């Protein structure tokens, strides 16, 4: 995943827009495409140019099967991942 651009760059770009320069001109000068528009919107809404949370929360897909998986591994330590996958598929 790509890292957010620096806080310093975001601040300088937003300050340039706040001082009257167009978003398009600032984006060209700092070579940040249309990000300046988003940064300015964030600044106006929150007072900060800090990046938002990246990524999302992923629901634990195997959690409902946890007890079954743990028991199968306890019973058969040499069980392969493919074998476990097949057993889980058969249960569904």
Protein backbone atom coordinates (compact mmCIF):
# COMPACT_ATOMS: atom_id res chain seq x y z
CA UNK A 1 0.00 0.00 0.00
CA UNK A 2 1.22 3.50 -0.79
CA UNK A 3 2.18 5.74 2.12
CA UNK A 4 0.39 9.07 2.57
CA UNK A 5 2.31 12.11 1.40
CA UNK A 6 4.10 14.07 4.11
CA UNK A 7 2.27 16.27 6.57
CA UNK A 8 4.62 19.14 5.69
CA UNK A 9 3.75 18.93 1.99
CA UNK A 10 0.04 18.86 2.79
CA UNK A 11 0.36 21.93 5.03
CA UNK A 12 2.34 23.91 2.44
CA UNK A 13 -0.15 23.06 -0.32
CA UNK A 14 -3.19 24.00 1.76
CA UNK A 15 -1.55 27.24 2.90
CA UNK A 16 -0.84 28.14 -0.74
CA UNK A 17 -4.52 27.61 -1.63
CA UNK A 18 -5.65 29.53 1.46
CA UNK A 19 -3.46 32.46 0.37
CA UNK A 20 -5.34 32.70 -2.91
CA UNK A 21 -3.60 30.36 -5.35
CA UNK A 22 -5.86 28.00 -7.28
CA UNK A 23 -5.97 24.31 -6.39
CA UNK A 24 -4.95 23.47 -9.95
CA UNK A 25 -1.88 25.74 -9.80
CA UNK A 26 -0.84 24.40 -6.38
CA UNK A 27 -1.29 20.80 -7.53
CA UNK A 28 0.95 21.50 -10.52
CA UNK A 29 3.59 23.29 -8.46
CA UNK A 30 3.83 20.52 -5.86
CA UNK A 31 3.21 17.73 -8.40
CA UNK A 32 0.40 16.15 -6.38
CA UNK A 33 -2.41 15.93 -8.95
CA UNK A 34 -5.86 16.50 -7.45
CA UNK A 35 -4.87 15.69 -3.87
CA UNK A 36 -4.83 19.39 -3.02
CA UNK A 37 -8.62 19.55 -3.36
CA UNK A 38 -9.06 16.66 -0.93
CA UNK A 39 -6.53 18.10 1.52
CA UNK A 40 -8.27 21.48 1.49
CA UNK A 41 -11.65 19.83 2.06
CA UNK A 42 -10.21 17.86 4.99
CA UNK A 43 -8.63 21.03 6.39
CA UNK A 44 -11.88 22.95 6.17
CA UNK A 45 -13.87 20.10 7.74
CA UNK A 46 -11.46 19.07 10.51
CA UNK A 47 -8.86 21.82 10.81
CA UNK A 48 -6.11 19.31 10.02
CA UNK A 49 -4.42 18.02 6.90
CA UNK A 50 -3.42 14.75 8.57
CA UNK A 51 -4.20 11.69 6.47
CA UNK A 52 -7.23 9.61 7.36
CA UNK A 53 -7.12 5.99 8.33
CA UNK A 54 -5.80 3.78 5.56
CA UNK A 55 -7.34 0.42 4.90
CA UNK A 56 -10.39 -0.93 6.53
CA UNK A 57 -11.51 -3.40 9.09
CA UNK A 58 -11.71 -6.92 7.78
CA UNK A 59 -14.27 -9.19 9.36
CA UNK A 60 -12.66 -12.36 10.77
CA UNK A 61 -13.88 -14.93 8.26
CA UNK A 62 -12.67 -18.01 10.13
CA UNK A 63 -13.81 -16.96 13.62
CA UNK A 64 -17.09 -18.96 13.49
CA UNK A 65 -15.01 -22.07 12.65
CA UNK A 66 -12.32 -21.49 15.28
CA UNK A 67 -13.32 -24.32 17.63
CA UNK A 68 -13.53 -26.80 14.75
CA UNK A 69 -10.14 -25.76 13.33
CA UNK A 70 -8.40 -25.91 16.71
CA UNK A 71 -9.89 -29.35 17.45
CA UNK A 72 -8.95 -30.76 14.02
CA UNK A 73 -5.35 -29.55 14.40
CA UNK A 74 -5.21 -31.03 17.92
CA UNK A 75 -6.54 -34.39 16.63
CA UNK A 76 -4.41 -34.46 13.49
CA UNK A 77 -1.24 -32.34 13.82
CA UNK A 78 -0.04 -33.35 10.35
CA UNK A 79 -3.27 -32.14 8.69
CA UNK A 80 -2.42 -30.02 5.64
CA UNK A 81 -3.92 -26.65 4.89
CA UNK A 82 -5.52 -28.10 1.77
CA UNK A 83 -7.03 -30.92 3.80
CA UNK A 84 -8.39 -28.48 6.37
CA UNK A 85 -9.79 -26.32 3.60
CA UNK A 86 -11.59 -29.33 2.10
CA UNK A 87 -13.04 -30.25 5.50
CA UNK A 88 -14.29 -26.70 6.04
CA UNK A 89 -15.84 -26.68 2.57
CA UNK A 90 -17.60 -29.97 3.30
CA UNK A 91 -19.12 -28.48 6.48
CA UNK A 92 -20.66 -25.52 4.64
